[in-house]
Amino acid sequence: MMSNLIILITLTALGLCHAGMSSLALAIDRHYRQVYRRDTPPRRRKLLRLAGGMLLALALLSGCGREPASYTE
């Protein structure tokens, strides 16, 4: 049972990291232009940076409360 919880927490952190890094990448003009074929509006760039940072912080916090992987019952 505990191993399923650890796997779920790990996958959650991985998904949050992926979303955060994607947001930070889209905050860069060149990457945004490659995806959407137009320049990034300044307000959206700030929003993407903020969202990316918050998602990475959530990913860090999601793994802080778990026991070490070597923990066995």
C-alpha atoms as a PDB file:
ATOM      1  CA  MET A   1       0.000   0.000   0.000  1.00  0.00           C
ATOM      2  CA  MET A   2       2.770   2.423   0.901  1.00  0.00           C
ATOM      3  CA  SER A   3       4.600   1.821  -2.376  1.00  0.00           C
ATOM      4  CA  ASN A   4       1.482   2.817  -4.350  1.00  0.00           C
ATOM      5  CA  LEU A   5       1.362   6.099  -2.440  1.00  0.00           C
ATOM      6  CA  ILE A   6       5.030   6.784  -3.129  1.00  0.00           C
ATOM      7  CA  ILE A   7       4.510   6.076  -6.823  1.00  0.00           C
ATOM      8  CA  LEU A   8       1.506   8.418  -6.921  1.00  0.00           C
ATOM      9  CA  ILE A   9       3.417  11.218  -5.169  1.00  0.00           C
ATOM     10  CA  THR A  10       6.383  10.755  -7.503  1.00  0.00           C
ATOM     11  CA  LEU A  11       4.204  10.854 -10.613  1.00  0.00           C
ATOM     12  CA  THR A  12       2.414  13.947  -9.308  1.00  0.00           C
ATOM     13  CA  ALA A  13       5.730  15.715  -8.739  1.00  0.00           C
ATOM     14  CA  LEU A  14       6.924  14.668 -12.199  1.00  0.00           C
ATOM     15  CA  GLY A  15       3.769  16.025 -13.842  1.00  0.00           C
ATOM     16  CA  LEU A  16       4.035  19.309 -11.953  1.00  0.00           C
ATOM     17  CA  CYS A  17       7.693  19.648 -12.978  1.00  0.00           C
ATOM     18  CA  HIS A  18       6.817  19.019 -16.615  1.00  0.00           C
ATOM     19  CA  ALA A  19       4.010  21.598 -16.552  1.00  0.00           C
ATOM     20  CA  GLY A  20       6.224  24.143 -14.774  1.00  0.00           C
ATOM     21  CA  MET A  21       9.123  23.756 -17.172  1.00  0.00           C
ATOM     22  CA  SER A  22       6.757  23.934 -20.153  1.00  0.00           C
ATOM     23  CA  SER A  23       5.335  27.197 -18.811  1.00  0.00           C
ATOM     24  CA  LEU A  24       8.806  28.634 -18.319  1.00  0.00           C
ATOM     25  CA  ALA A  25       9.816  27.557 -21.822  1.00  0.00           C
ATOM     26  CA  LEU A  26       6.747  29.235 -23.341  1.00  0.00           C
ATOM     27  CA  ALA A  27       7.650  32.422 -21.470  1.00  0.00           C
ATOM     28  CA  ILE A  28      10.665  32.691 -23.795  1.00  0.00           C
ATOM     29  CA  ASP A  29       9.780  34.584 -26.984  1.00  0.00           C
ATOM     30  CA  ARG A  30      11.517  32.189 -29.333  1.00  0.00           C
ATOM     31  CA  HIS A  31       9.764  29.107 -27.977  1.00  0.00           C
ATOM     32  CA  TYR A  32       6.382  30.824 -27.856  1.00  0.00           C
ATOM     33  CA  ARG A  33       6.818  31.905 -31.481  1.00  0.00           C
ATOM     34  CA  GLN A  34       7.700  28.334 -32.520  1.00  0.00           C
ATOM     35  CA  VAL A  35       4.458  27.028 -31.021  1.00  0.00           C
ATOM     36  CA  TYR A  36       1.967  29.831 -31.736  1.00  0.00           C
ATOM     37  CA  ARG A  37       3.639  31.610 -34.704  1.00  0.00           C
ATOM     38  CA  ARG A  38       3.309  35.047 -33.097  1.00  0.00           C
ATOM     39  CA  ASP A  39       5.078  37.133 -30.453  1.00  0.00           C
ATOM     40  CA  THR A  40       4.359  36.683 -26.776  1.00  0.00           C
ATOM     41  CA  PRO A  41       2.201  39.426 -25.280  1.00  0.00           C
ATOM     42  CA  PRO A  42       4.049  40.956 -22.283  1.00  0.00           C
ATOM     43  CA  ARG A  43       1.237  40.171 -19.856  1.00  0.00           C
ATOM     44  CA  ARG A  44       1.097  36.522 -20.940  1.00  0.00           C
ATOM     45  CA  ARG A  45       4.890  36.229 -20.599  1.00  0.00           C
ATOM     46  CA  LYS A  46       4.670  37.394 -16.982  1.00  0.00           C
ATOM     47  CA  LEU A  47       1.766  35.031 -16.315  1.00  0.00           C
ATOM     48  CA  LEU A  48       3.673  32.081 -17.799  1.00  0.00           C
ATOM     49  CA  ARG A  49       6.728  32.872 -15.653  1.00  0.00           C
ATOM     50  CA  LEU A  50       4.601  33.123 -12.525  1.00  0.00           C
ATOM     51  CA  ALA A  51       2.706  29.907 -13.306  1.00  0.00           C
ATOM     52  CA  GLY A  52       5.938  28.058 -14.074  1.00  0.00           C
ATOM     53  CA  GLY A  53       7.532  29.102 -10.808  1.00  0.00           C
ATOM     54  CA  MET A  54       4.457  28.198  -8.801  1.00  0.00           C
ATOM     55  CA  LEU A  55       4.144  24.786 -10.458  1.00  0.00           C
ATOM     56  CA  LEU A  56       7.793  24.005  -9.723  1.00  0.00           C
ATOM     57  CA  ALA A  57       7.311  25.093  -6.106  1.00  0.00           C
ATOM     58  CA  LEU A  58       4.275  22.804  -5.844  1.00  0.00           C
ATOM     59  CA  ALA A  59       6.318  19.948  -7.282  1.00  0.00           C
ATOM     60  CA  LEU A  60       8.938  20.512  -4.610  1.00  0.00           C
ATOM     61  CA  LEU A  61       6.347  20.666  -1.845  1.00  0.00           C
ATOM     62  CA  SER A  62       4.517  17.565  -3.072  1.00  0.00           C
ATOM     63  CA  GLY A  63       7.536  15.403  -2.312  1.00  0.00           C
ATOM     64  CA  CYS A  64       8.546  17.018   0.983  1.00  0.00           C
ATOM     65  CA  GLY A  65       6.107  15.139   3.200  1.00  0.00           C
ATOM     66  CA  ARG A  66       6.852  11.632   2.014  1.00  0.00           C
ATOM     67  CA  GLU A  67       9.050   9.096   3.718  1.00  0.00           C
ATOM     68  CA  PRO A  68      12.369   8.115   2.153  1.00  0.00           C
ATOM     69  CA  ALA A  69      12.171   5.535  -0.622  1.00  0.00           C
ATOM     70  CA  SER A  70      14.144   3.032   1.475  1.00  0.00           C
ATOM     71  CA  TYR A  71      11.397   2.980   4.130  1.00  0.00           C
ATOM     72  CA  THR A  72       9.858  -0.471   4.544  1.00  0.00           C
ATOM     73  CA  GLU A  73       7.122  -1.664   6.837  1.00  0.00           C
END
